[in-house]
Amino acid sequence: MLGNVKVYLLRSFSRSFKKKVASFPNVKLREISKIEEISEGIFTTGEVGFFIKEQSLIVKKENGRDRHNWMFTSRVG
């Protein structure tokens, strides 16, 4: 077992899918719909798109003095 896991799912995901994920005893489910910082320097865009909802993960990375790089990743929901 992985230990306690926080799972961030789009609010638009089906109720049955969210119920299945939440059924694991070590999962704490969090539904999201807008941009949110989920850990220091790590953000989710929340729901993006109209017909097909997706979300992106944004990671703020320090790059020298007062400079930041942003890394984006996307996944269809």
C-alpha atoms as a PDB file:
ATOM      1  CA  MET A   1       0.000   0.000   0.000  1.00  0.00           C
ATOM      2  CA  LEU A   2       1.182   3.542  -0.756  1.00  0.00           C
ATOM      3  CA  GLY A   3       0.191   5.113   2.540  1.00  0.00           C
ATOM      4  CA  ASN A   4      -2.144   8.088   2.605  1.00  0.00           C
ATOM      5  CA  VAL A   5      -2.723   9.608  -0.834  1.00  0.00           C
ATOM      6  CA  LYS A   6      -4.402  12.887  -1.795  1.00  0.00           C
ATOM      7  CA  VAL A   7      -6.181  12.596  -5.140  1.00  0.00           C
ATOM      8  CA  TYR A   8      -7.227  15.759  -6.971  1.00  0.00           C
ATOM      9  CA  LEU A   9     -10.024  15.048  -9.440  1.00  0.00           C
ATOM     10  CA  LEU A  10     -12.003  17.365 -11.643  1.00  0.00           C
ATOM     11  CA  ARG A  11     -15.458  18.090 -10.323  1.00  0.00           C
ATOM     12  CA  SER A  12     -16.818  17.121 -13.778  1.00  0.00           C
ATOM     13  CA  PHE A  13     -15.599  13.502 -13.488  1.00  0.00           C
ATOM     14  CA  SER A  14     -18.428  10.993 -13.219  1.00  0.00           C
ATOM     15  CA  ARG A  15     -19.890  10.286  -9.812  1.00  0.00           C
ATOM     16  CA  SER A  16     -19.210   6.555 -10.227  1.00  0.00           C
ATOM     17  CA  PHE A  17     -15.513   7.162 -10.967  1.00  0.00           C
ATOM     18  CA  LYS A  18     -15.122   9.465  -7.943  1.00  0.00           C
ATOM     19  CA  LYS A  19     -16.907   6.923  -5.769  1.00  0.00           C
ATOM     20  CA  LYS A  20     -14.554   4.166  -6.938  1.00  0.00           C
ATOM     21  CA  VAL A  21     -11.445   6.285  -6.204  1.00  0.00           C
ATOM     22  CA  ALA A  22     -12.806   7.318  -2.806  1.00  0.00           C
ATOM     23  CA  SER A  23     -13.500   3.678  -1.885  1.00  0.00           C
ATOM     24  CA  PHE A  24      -9.812   3.056  -1.174  1.00  0.00           C
ATOM     25  CA  PRO A  25      -9.186   3.481   2.562  1.00  0.00           C
ATOM     26  CA  ASN A  26      -5.929   5.400   2.099  1.00  0.00           C
ATOM     27  CA  VAL A  27      -7.348   7.981  -0.362  1.00  0.00           C
ATOM     28  CA  LYS A  28      -8.409  11.488   0.522  1.00  0.00           C
ATOM     29  CA  LEU A  29     -10.395  12.802  -2.447  1.00  0.00           C
ATOM     30  CA  ARG A  30     -10.466  16.497  -3.355  1.00  0.00           C
ATOM     31  CA  GLU A  31     -12.701  17.758  -6.166  1.00  0.00           C
ATOM     32  CA  ILE A  32     -11.460  20.816  -8.008  1.00  0.00           C
ATOM     33  CA  SER A  33     -12.884  23.140 -10.646  1.00  0.00           C
ATOM     34  CA  LYS A  34     -10.557  26.168 -10.651  1.00  0.00           C
ATOM     35  CA  ILE A  35      -6.863  26.939 -10.259  1.00  0.00           C
ATOM     36  CA  GLU A  36      -5.543  25.855  -6.894  1.00  0.00           C
ATOM     37  CA  GLU A  37      -2.171  25.435  -5.206  1.00  0.00           C
ATOM     38  CA  ILE A  38      -2.060  21.806  -4.123  1.00  0.00           C
ATOM     39  CA  SER A  39       1.405  21.941  -2.574  1.00  0.00           C
ATOM     40  CA  GLU A  40       4.093  24.599  -2.286  1.00  0.00           C
ATOM     41  CA  GLY A  41       4.892  25.683  -5.851  1.00  0.00           C
ATOM     42  CA  ILE A  42       2.594  23.066  -7.413  1.00  0.00           C
ATOM     43  CA  PHE A  43      -0.710  24.139  -8.945  1.00  0.00           C
ATOM     44  CA  THR A  44      -3.583  22.586 -10.850  1.00  0.00           C
ATOM     45  CA  THR A  45      -5.404  24.681 -13.429  1.00  0.00           C
ATOM     46  CA  GLY A  46      -8.690  23.078 -12.500  1.00  0.00           C
ATOM     47  CA  GLU A  47     -11.170  22.450 -15.298  1.00  0.00           C
ATOM     48  CA  VAL A  48     -10.070  23.726 -18.695  1.00  0.00           C
ATOM     49  CA  GLY A  49     -12.096  23.317 -21.894  1.00  0.00           C
ATOM     50  CA  PHE A  50     -15.728  23.251 -22.886  1.00  0.00           C
ATOM     51  CA  PHE A  51     -16.790  19.873 -24.255  1.00  0.00           C
ATOM     52  CA  ILE A  52     -13.831  17.781 -23.154  1.00  0.00           C
ATOM     53  CA  LYS A  53     -12.610  18.803 -19.711  1.00  0.00           C
ATOM     54  CA  GLU A  54      -8.926  18.543 -18.893  1.00  0.00           C
ATOM     55  CA  GLN A  55      -6.503  19.872 -16.314  1.00  0.00           C
ATOM     56  CA  SER A  56      -2.853  20.807 -16.251  1.00  0.00           C
ATOM     57  CA  LEU A  57      -0.258  20.592 -13.525  1.00  0.00           C
ATOM     58  CA  ILE A  58       1.991  23.648 -13.117  1.00  0.00           C
ATOM     59  CA  VAL A  59       5.274  23.406 -11.222  1.00  0.00           C
ATOM     60  CA  LYS A  60       7.172  26.515 -10.144  1.00  0.00           C
ATOM     61  CA  LYS A  61      10.901  25.853 -10.208  1.00  0.00           C
ATOM     62  CA  GLU A  62      13.585  28.169  -8.844  1.00  0.00           C
ATOM     63  CA  ASN A  63      16.187  29.013 -11.454  1.00  0.00           C
ATOM     64  CA  GLY A  64      18.910  31.194  -9.994  1.00  0.00           C
ATOM     65  CA  ARG A  65      18.341  34.597  -8.429  1.00  0.00           C
ATOM     66  CA  ASP A  66      14.735  35.724  -8.502  1.00  0.00           C
ATOM     67  CA  ARG A  67      14.045  33.752 -11.667  1.00  0.00           C
ATOM     68  CA  HIS A  68      11.482  31.046 -12.099  1.00  0.00           C
ATOM     69  CA  ASN A  69      10.831  28.369 -14.665  1.00  0.00           C
ATOM     70  CA  TRP A  70       7.329  27.015 -15.035  1.00  0.00           C
ATOM     71  CA  MET A  71       6.736  23.465 -16.145  1.00  0.00           C
ATOM     72  CA  PHE A  72       3.335  22.427 -17.491  1.00  0.00           C
ATOM     73  CA  THR A  73       1.824  19.036 -18.039  1.00  0.00           C
ATOM     74  CA  SER A  74      -1.660  18.241 -19.280  1.00  0.00           C
ATOM     75  CA  ARG A  75      -4.003  15.289 -19.088  1.00  0.00           C
ATOM     76  CA  VAL A  76      -7.462  14.810 -20.559  1.00  0.00           C
ATOM     77  CA  GLY A  77     -10.049  14.148 -17.861  1.00  0.00           C
END
